[in-house]
Amino acid sequence: MTPVIILSDGFLANSSEPWRLPDIDTLPEFSIRREVEAKVFHPYERDPDTLARPWVIPGTPGLEHRIGGLEKENVTGNVSYDPVNHETMVYLRAQKVRHVAMDYPPTKVDGDPSGTLLVVGWGSTYGPIRTAVENVRRKGKKVSYVHLRYLWPFPNDLGGILKDFETVLVPELNLGQLRMLLRGEYGLPVVGLNKVQGQPFKIAEVQSKIEELI
């Protein structure tokens, strides 16, 4: 019950490659629990584990409640202009988003789990980064790679992984947004390789930076 944004880029969106369609019957069930009984209803009462609120089909007898953009009182859902309640609700919403990371799978490290250099990427940089890392390894040098599929909240195990490497390199087709987030979240001196030319990375560009840092 949390909004999800798919963050992509033009190069990835306009690329073409074979894609295996999943068997719908094998996908995990995605059920939504809705309140249906008329009782003392608190629309902002939250699940203690996920902080999700109960869902109700509009117009359900006995379960009518206010919706809209005005701030609501915690638990009751009544419109509230209390500043302390507003702060409480802001923290609750932020923590609810953080809880999404509880459902992430473990972060996969391609290569040694610790060492001199870890390359971190996301999105369409996957191909050039992975090939550059493999080229460097074939030369007998050690470098590891993590491709992030979940950008916010970060995976719960990511901080521990980053701290096991002397240097973290983040190649990005922007001015370094992920690099700055990683620095702010974990306090690490993350190195950026940035390109804003409307063109994807060349393998040689990433490989050259990896070899420079090693």
C-alpha atoms as a PDB file:
ATOM      1  CA  MET A   1       0.000   0.000   0.000  1.00  0.00           C
ATOM      2  CA  THR A   2       2.858   2.305  -0.915  1.00  0.00           C
ATOM      3  CA  PRO A   3       3.251   4.133  -4.249  1.00  0.00           C
ATOM      4  CA  VAL A   4       5.938   2.670  -6.525  1.00  0.00           C
ATOM      5  CA  ILE A   5       7.869   4.585  -9.182  1.00  0.00           C
ATOM      6  CA  ILE A   6       9.704   2.769 -11.979  1.00  0.00           C
ATOM      7  CA  LEU A   7      12.812   4.871 -12.664  1.00  0.00           C
ATOM      8  CA  SER A   8      14.240   4.298 -16.132  1.00  0.00           C
ATOM      9  CA  ASP A   9      15.836   6.309 -18.935  1.00  0.00           C
ATOM     10  CA  GLY A  10      15.370   6.909 -22.632  1.00  0.00           C
ATOM     11  CA  PHE A  11      18.151   4.583 -23.776  1.00  0.00           C
ATOM     12  CA  LEU A  12      16.716   1.653 -21.842  1.00  0.00           C
ATOM     13  CA  ALA A  13      13.153   2.464 -22.906  1.00  0.00           C
ATOM     14  CA  ASN A  14      14.059   2.541 -26.600  1.00  0.00           C
ATOM     15  CA  SER A  15      16.338  -0.500 -26.612  1.00  0.00           C
ATOM     16  CA  SER A  16      15.242  -3.822 -28.062  1.00  0.00           C
ATOM     17  CA  GLU A  17      16.034  -7.338 -26.880  1.00  0.00           C
ATOM     18  CA  PRO A  18      14.228 -10.642 -26.321  1.00  0.00           C
ATOM     19  CA  TRP A  19      12.137 -10.724 -23.151  1.00  0.00           C
ATOM     20  CA  ARG A  20      10.689 -13.903 -21.717  1.00  0.00           C
ATOM     21  CA  LEU A  21       7.099 -13.378 -20.586  1.00  0.00           C
ATOM     22  CA  PRO A  22       6.426 -14.886 -17.158  1.00  0.00           C
ATOM     23  CA  ASP A  23       3.785 -17.518 -16.571  1.00  0.00           C
ATOM     24  CA  ILE A  24       1.053 -15.583 -14.771  1.00  0.00           C
ATOM     25  CA  ASP A  25       0.055 -18.659 -12.746  1.00  0.00           C
ATOM     26  CA  THR A  26       3.549 -18.800 -11.181  1.00  0.00           C
ATOM     27  CA  LEU A  27       3.511 -15.211  -9.923  1.00  0.00           C
ATOM     28  CA  PRO A  28       2.971 -14.735  -6.172  1.00  0.00           C
ATOM     29  CA  GLU A  29      -0.525 -13.802  -5.067  1.00  0.00           C
ATOM     30  CA  PHE A  30      -1.083 -10.097  -4.531  1.00  0.00           C
ATOM     31  CA  SER A  31      -4.120  -9.900  -2.320  1.00  0.00           C
ATOM     32  CA  ILE A  32      -5.685  -6.770  -0.860  1.00  0.00           C
ATOM     33  CA  ARG A  33      -7.478  -6.992   2.467  1.00  0.00           C
ATOM     34  CA  ARG A  34     -10.450  -4.690   2.800  1.00  0.00           C
ATOM     35  CA  GLU A  35     -12.538  -3.906   5.853  1.00  0.00           C
ATOM     36  CA  VAL A  36     -16.144  -4.938   5.262  1.00  0.00           C
ATOM     37  CA  GLU A  37     -17.809  -5.106   8.682  1.00  0.00           C
ATOM     38  CA  ALA A  38     -19.617  -2.165  10.256  1.00  0.00           C
ATOM     39  CA  LYS A  39     -17.888  -1.620  13.591  1.00  0.00           C
ATOM     40  CA  VAL A  40     -15.934   1.074  15.381  1.00  0.00           C
ATOM     41  CA  PHE A  41     -13.763   1.981  12.438  1.00  0.00           C
ATOM     42  CA  HIS A  42     -10.443   3.823  12.681  1.00  0.00           C
ATOM     43  CA  PRO A  43      -9.268   4.539   9.119  1.00  0.00           C
ATOM     44  CA  TYR A  44      -5.777   5.562  10.297  1.00  0.00           C
ATOM     45  CA  GLU A  45      -5.186   2.570  12.545  1.00  0.00           C
ATOM     46  CA  ARG A  46      -2.087   0.894  11.144  1.00  0.00           C
ATOM     47  CA  ASP A  47      -0.671  -2.578  10.789  1.00  0.00           C
ATOM     48  CA  PRO A  48       2.122  -2.736  13.428  1.00  0.00           C
ATOM     49  CA  ASP A  49       4.581  -4.393  11.006  1.00  0.00           C
ATOM     50  CA  THR A  50       4.016  -2.470   7.755  1.00  0.00           C
ATOM     51  CA  LEU A  51       2.210   0.683   9.007  1.00  0.00           C
ATOM     52  CA  ALA A  52      -0.334   0.186   6.198  1.00  0.00           C
ATOM     53  CA  ARG A  53      -3.844   1.501   6.830  1.00  0.00           C
ATOM     54  CA  PRO A  54      -7.021  -0.531   6.240  1.00  0.00           C
ATOM     55  CA  TRP A  55      -8.727  -0.207   2.863  1.00  0.00           C
ATOM     56  CA  VAL A  56     -12.466   0.257   2.486  1.00  0.00           C
ATOM     57  CA  ILE A  57     -14.581   0.342  -0.654  1.00  0.00           C
ATOM     58  CA  PRO A  58     -16.140   3.836  -0.717  1.00  0.00           C
ATOM     59  CA  GLY A  59     -19.741   3.809   0.487  1.00  0.00           C
ATOM     60  CA  THR A  60     -19.476   0.692   2.673  1.00  0.00           C
ATOM     61  CA  PRO A  61     -22.237   1.159   5.293  1.00  0.00           C
ATOM     62  CA  GLY A  62     -20.852   2.051   8.704  1.00  0.00           C
ATOM     63  CA  LEU A  63     -17.311   2.522   7.416  1.00  0.00           C
ATOM     64  CA  GLU A  64     -17.638   5.971   5.888  1.00  0.00           C
ATOM     65  CA  HIS A  65     -14.667   8.279   6.522  1.00  0.00           C
ATOM     66  CA  ARG A  66     -13.025  11.416   5.228  1.00  0.00           C
ATOM     67  CA  ILE A  67     -10.538  11.306   2.364  1.00  0.00           C
ATOM     68  CA  GLY A  68      -8.661  14.076   0.579  1.00  0.00           C
ATOM     69  CA  GLY A  69      -5.547  16.175   0.860  1.00  0.00           C
ATOM     70  CA  LEU A  70      -6.133  17.702   4.296  1.00  0.00           C
ATOM     71  CA  GLU A  71      -4.010  16.329   7.141  1.00  0.00           C
ATOM     72  CA  LYS A  72      -5.808  13.698   9.218  1.00  0.00           C
ATOM     73  CA  GLU A  73      -5.625  12.901  12.877  1.00  0.00           C
ATOM     74  CA  ASN A  74      -3.678   9.777  13.719  1.00  0.00           C
ATOM     75  CA  VAL A  75      -5.930   6.704  14.195  1.00  0.00           C
ATOM     76  CA  THR A  76      -9.313   8.486  13.903  1.00  0.00           C
ATOM     77  CA  GLY A  77      -8.804  10.012  10.448  1.00  0.00           C
ATOM     78  CA  ASN A  78     -10.552  13.232  11.445  1.00  0.00           C
ATOM     79  CA  VAL A  79      -9.293  16.413   9.774  1.00  0.00           C
ATOM     80  CA  SER A  80      -6.594  17.910  12.006  1.00  0.00           C
ATOM     81  CA  TYR A  81      -4.732  21.214  12.036  1.00  0.00           C
ATOM     82  CA  ASP A  82      -2.635  20.297  15.082  1.00  0.00           C
ATOM     83  CA  PRO A  83       1.094  20.850  14.341  1.00  0.00           C
ATOM     84  CA  VAL A  84       2.249  18.010  16.611  1.00  0.00           C
ATOM     85  CA  ASN A  85      -0.131  15.591  14.901  1.00  0.00           C
ATOM     86  CA  HIS A  86       1.167  16.758  11.521  1.00  0.00           C
ATOM     87  CA  GLU A  87       4.732  15.963  12.565  1.00  0.00           C
ATOM     88  CA  THR A  88       3.618  12.550  13.835  1.00  0.00           C
ATOM     89  CA  MET A  89       1.950  11.744  10.519  1.00  0.00           C
ATOM     90  CA  VAL A  90       4.997  12.844   8.512  1.00  0.00           C
ATOM     91  CA  TYR A  91       7.223  10.484  10.517  1.00  0.00           C
ATOM     92  CA  LEU A  92       4.702   7.665  10.124  1.00  0.00           C
ATOM     93  CA  ARG A  93       4.556   8.066   6.360  1.00  0.00           C
ATOM     94  CA  ALA A  94       8.345   8.187   6.084  1.00  0.00           C
ATOM     95  CA  GLN A  95       8.724   5.051   8.194  1.00  0.00           C
ATOM     96  CA  LYS A  96       6.043   3.287   6.160  1.00  0.00           C
ATOM     97  CA  VAL A  97       8.096   3.857   3.018  1.00  0.00           C
ATOM     98  CA  ARG A  98      11.221   2.612   4.803  1.00  0.00           C
ATOM     99  CA  HIS A  99       9.411  -0.613   5.685  1.00  0.00           C
ATOM    100  CA  VAL A 100       9.159  -1.485   1.986  1.00  0.00           C
ATOM    101  CA  ALA A 101      12.792  -2.628   2.187  1.00  0.00           C
ATOM    102  CA  MET A 102      11.746  -5.504   4.462  1.00  0.00           C
ATOM    103  CA  ASP A 103      10.404  -7.281   1.356  1.00  0.00           C
ATOM    104  CA  TYR A 104      13.556  -6.855  -0.769  1.00  0.00           C
ATOM    105  CA  PRO A 105      15.590  -9.967  -1.623  1.00  0.00           C
ATOM    106  CA  PRO A 106      19.240 -10.003  -0.437  1.00  0.00           C
ATOM    107  CA  THR A 107      21.519  -7.714  -2.439  1.00  0.00           C
ATOM    108  CA  LYS A 108      23.711  -9.726  -4.806  1.00  0.00           C
ATOM    109  CA  VAL A 109      27.423  -8.929  -4.954  1.00  0.00           C
ATOM    110  CA  ASP A 110      28.991 -10.033  -8.228  1.00  0.00           C
ATOM    111  CA  GLY A 111      32.534 -10.955  -7.169  1.00  0.00           C
ATOM    112  CA  ASP A 112      34.271 -10.969  -3.809  1.00  0.00           C
ATOM    113  CA  PRO A 113      32.119  -9.755  -0.876  1.00  0.00           C
ATOM    114  CA  SER A 114      34.921  -7.410   0.241  1.00  0.00           C
ATOM    115  CA  GLY A 115      38.022  -5.874  -1.246  1.00  0.00           C
ATOM    116  CA  THR A 116      39.579  -2.823  -2.869  1.00  0.00           C
ATOM    117  CA  LEU A 117      36.881  -1.654  -5.306  1.00  0.00           C
ATOM    118  CA  LEU A 118      33.109  -2.058  -5.608  1.00  0.00           C
ATOM    119  CA  VAL A 119      31.267  -0.677  -8.625  1.00  0.00           C
ATOM    120  CA  VAL A 120      27.607   0.234  -8.009  1.00  0.00           C
ATOM    121  CA  GLY A 121      25.189   0.846 -10.859  1.00  0.00           C
ATOM    122  CA  TRP A 122      21.515   0.991 -11.735  1.00  0.00           C
ATOM    123  CA  GLY A 123      19.327   1.086 -14.834  1.00  0.00           C
ATOM    124  CA  SER A 124      20.764   0.897 -18.347  1.00  0.00           C
ATOM    125  CA  THR A 125      24.383   1.205 -17.160  1.00  0.00           C
ATOM    126  CA  TYR A 126      24.269  -2.530 -16.387  1.00  0.00           C
ATOM    127  CA  GLY A 127      25.708  -3.720 -19.711  1.00  0.00           C
ATOM    128  CA  PRO A 128      28.772  -1.449 -19.967  1.00  0.00           C
ATOM    129  CA  ILE A 129      29.592  -1.783 -16.252  1.00  0.00           C
ATOM    130  CA  ARG A 130      29.308  -5.572 -16.177  1.00  0.00           C
ATOM    131  CA  THR A 131      31.433  -5.986 -19.316  1.00  0.00           C
ATOM    132  CA  ALA A 132      34.058  -3.544 -18.014  1.00  0.00           C
ATOM    133  CA  VAL A 133      34.230  -5.412 -14.701  1.00  0.00           C
ATOM    134  CA  GLU A 134      34.636  -8.749 -16.514  1.00  0.00           C
ATOM    135  CA  ASN A 135      37.406  -7.309 -18.721  1.00  0.00           C
ATOM    136  CA  VAL A 136      39.334  -6.095 -15.674  1.00  0.00           C
ATOM    137  CA  ARG A 137      38.942  -9.453 -13.958  1.00  0.00           C
ATOM    138  CA  ARG A 138      40.371 -11.237 -16.984  1.00  0.00           C
ATOM    139  CA  LYS A 139      43.513  -9.173 -16.449  1.00  0.00           C
ATOM    140  CA  GLY A 140      43.850 -10.739 -13.007  1.00  0.00           C
ATOM    141  CA  LYS A 141      42.604  -7.741 -11.024  1.00  0.00           C
ATOM    142  CA  LYS A 142      39.873  -7.959  -8.407  1.00  0.00           C
ATOM    143  CA  VAL A 143      36.769  -5.793  -8.633  1.00  0.00           C
ATOM    144  CA  SER A 144      33.193  -6.458  -7.522  1.00  0.00           C
ATOM    145  CA  TYR A 145      29.872  -5.166  -8.819  1.00  0.00           C
ATOM    146  CA  VAL A 146      26.427  -4.475  -7.366  1.00  0.00           C
ATOM    147  CA  HIS A 147      23.515  -3.581  -9.626  1.00  0.00           C
ATOM    148  CA  LEU A 148      20.789  -1.866  -7.599  1.00  0.00           C
ATOM    149  CA  ARG A 149      17.195  -2.682  -8.489  1.00  0.00           C
ATOM    150  CA  TYR A 150      15.737  -0.821  -5.495  1.00  0.00           C
ATOM    151  CA  LEU A 151      16.801   2.822  -5.186  1.00  0.00           C
ATOM    152  CA  TRP A 152      14.654   4.089  -2.311  1.00  0.00           C
ATOM    153  CA  PRO A 153      14.503   3.003   0.320  1.00  0.00           C
ATOM    154  CA  PHE A 154      17.927   1.429  -0.093  1.00  0.00           C
ATOM    155  CA  PRO A 155      18.221  -2.304   0.702  1.00  0.00           C
ATOM    156  CA  ASN A 156      18.791  -2.908   4.401  1.00  0.00           C
ATOM    157  CA  ASP A 157      22.000  -4.847   3.713  1.00  0.00           C
ATOM    158  CA  LEU A 158      23.541  -2.284   1.344  1.00  0.00           C
ATOM    159  CA  GLY A 159      25.392  -0.221   3.955  1.00  0.00           C
ATOM    160  CA  GLY A 160      27.226  -3.262   5.288  1.00  0.00           C
ATOM    161  CA  ILE A 161      28.237  -4.290   1.766  1.00  0.00           C
ATOM    162  CA  LEU A 162      29.607  -0.849   0.852  1.00  0.00           C
ATOM    163  CA  LYS A 163      31.661  -0.594   4.040  1.00  0.00           C
ATOM    164  CA  ASP A 164      33.503  -3.830   3.208  1.00  0.00           C
ATOM    165  CA  PHE A 165      35.266  -2.121   0.283  1.00  0.00           C
ATOM    166  CA  GLU A 166      38.009   0.513   0.307  1.00  0.00           C
ATOM    167  CA  THR A 167      36.519   2.432  -2.633  1.00  0.00           C
ATOM    168  CA  VAL A 168      33.019   2.602  -4.147  1.00  0.00           C
ATOM    169  CA  LEU A 169      32.584   3.754  -7.760  1.00  0.00           C
ATOM    170  CA  VAL A 170      29.188   4.817  -9.138  1.00  0.00           C
ATOM    171  CA  PRO A 171      28.994   5.338 -12.935  1.00  0.00           C
ATOM    172  CA  GLU A 172      25.869   7.354 -13.769  1.00  0.00           C
ATOM    173  CA  LEU A 173      24.363   9.004 -16.814  1.00  0.00           C
ATOM    174  CA  ASN A 174      23.628  12.138 -14.773  1.00  0.00           C
ATOM    175  CA  LEU A 175      25.421  14.514 -12.406  1.00  0.00           C
ATOM    176  CA  GLY A 176      25.720  11.970  -9.607  1.00  0.00           C
ATOM    177  CA  GLN A 177      22.341  11.668  -7.909  1.00  0.00           C
ATOM    178  CA  LEU A 178      22.878   8.099  -6.645  1.00  0.00           C
ATOM    179  CA  ARG A 179      26.419   8.951  -5.566  1.00  0.00           C
ATOM    180  CA  MET A 180      25.133  11.826  -3.442  1.00  0.00           C
ATOM    181  CA  LEU A 181      22.388   9.670  -1.912  1.00  0.00           C
ATOM    182  CA  LEU A 182      24.907   6.986  -0.955  1.00  0.00           C
ATOM    183  CA  ARG A 183      27.212   9.588   0.550  1.00  0.00           C
ATOM    184  CA  GLY A 184      24.394  11.138   2.549  1.00  0.00           C
ATOM    185  CA  GLU A 185      22.934   7.848   3.761  1.00  0.00           C
ATOM    186  CA  TYR A 186      26.149   6.022   4.682  1.00  0.00           C
ATOM    187  CA  GLY A 187      28.763   8.772   5.063  1.00  0.00           C
ATOM    188  CA  LEU A 188      31.168   7.105   2.620  1.00  0.00           C
ATOM    189  CA  PRO A 189      33.525   8.844   0.140  1.00  0.00           C
ATOM    190  CA  VAL A 190      31.814   7.466  -2.979  1.00  0.00           C
ATOM    191  CA  VAL A 191      33.571   8.206  -6.296  1.00  0.00           C
ATOM    192  CA  GLY A 192      31.475   9.209  -9.314  1.00  0.00           C
ATOM    193  CA  LEU A 193      31.900   8.645 -13.031  1.00  0.00           C
ATOM    194  CA  ASN A 194      29.370  10.937 -14.673  1.00  0.00           C
ATOM    195  CA  LYS A 195      28.332  11.401 -18.289  1.00  0.00           C
ATOM    196  CA  VAL A 196      25.548  13.708 -19.502  1.00  0.00           C
ATOM    197  CA  GLN A 197      25.860  13.604 -23.279  1.00  0.00           C
ATOM    198  CA  GLY A 198      22.660  11.845 -24.267  1.00  0.00           C
ATOM    199  CA  GLN A 199      24.748   8.754 -25.048  1.00  0.00           C
ATOM    200  CA  PRO A 200      25.311   5.551 -23.040  1.00  0.00           C
ATOM    201  CA  PHE A 201      28.627   4.688 -21.433  1.00  0.00           C
ATOM    202  CA  LYS A 202      31.245   3.044 -23.588  1.00  0.00           C
ATOM    203  CA  ILE A 203      32.781  -0.026 -22.007  1.00  0.00           C
ATOM    204  CA  ALA A 204      36.232   1.539 -22.324  1.00  0.00           C
ATOM    205  CA  GLU A 205      35.152   4.601 -20.322  1.00  0.00           C
ATOM    206  CA  VAL A 206      34.061   2.549 -17.332  1.00  0.00           C
ATOM    207  CA  GLN A 207      36.998   0.152 -17.613  1.00  0.00           C
ATOM    208  CA  SER A 208      39.500   3.014 -17.670  1.00  0.00           C
ATOM    209  CA  LYS A 209      38.054   4.488 -14.453  1.00  0.00           C
ATOM    210  CA  ILE A 210      38.071   1.083 -12.726  1.00  0.00           C
ATOM    211  CA  GLU A 211      41.727   0.512 -13.605  1.00  0.00           C
ATOM    212  CA  GLU A 212      42.623   4.042 -12.490  1.00  0.00           C
ATOM    213  CA  LEU A 213      41.077   3.469  -9.050  1.00  0.00           C
ATOM    214  CA  ILE A 214      42.597   0.006  -8.631  1.00  0.00           C
END
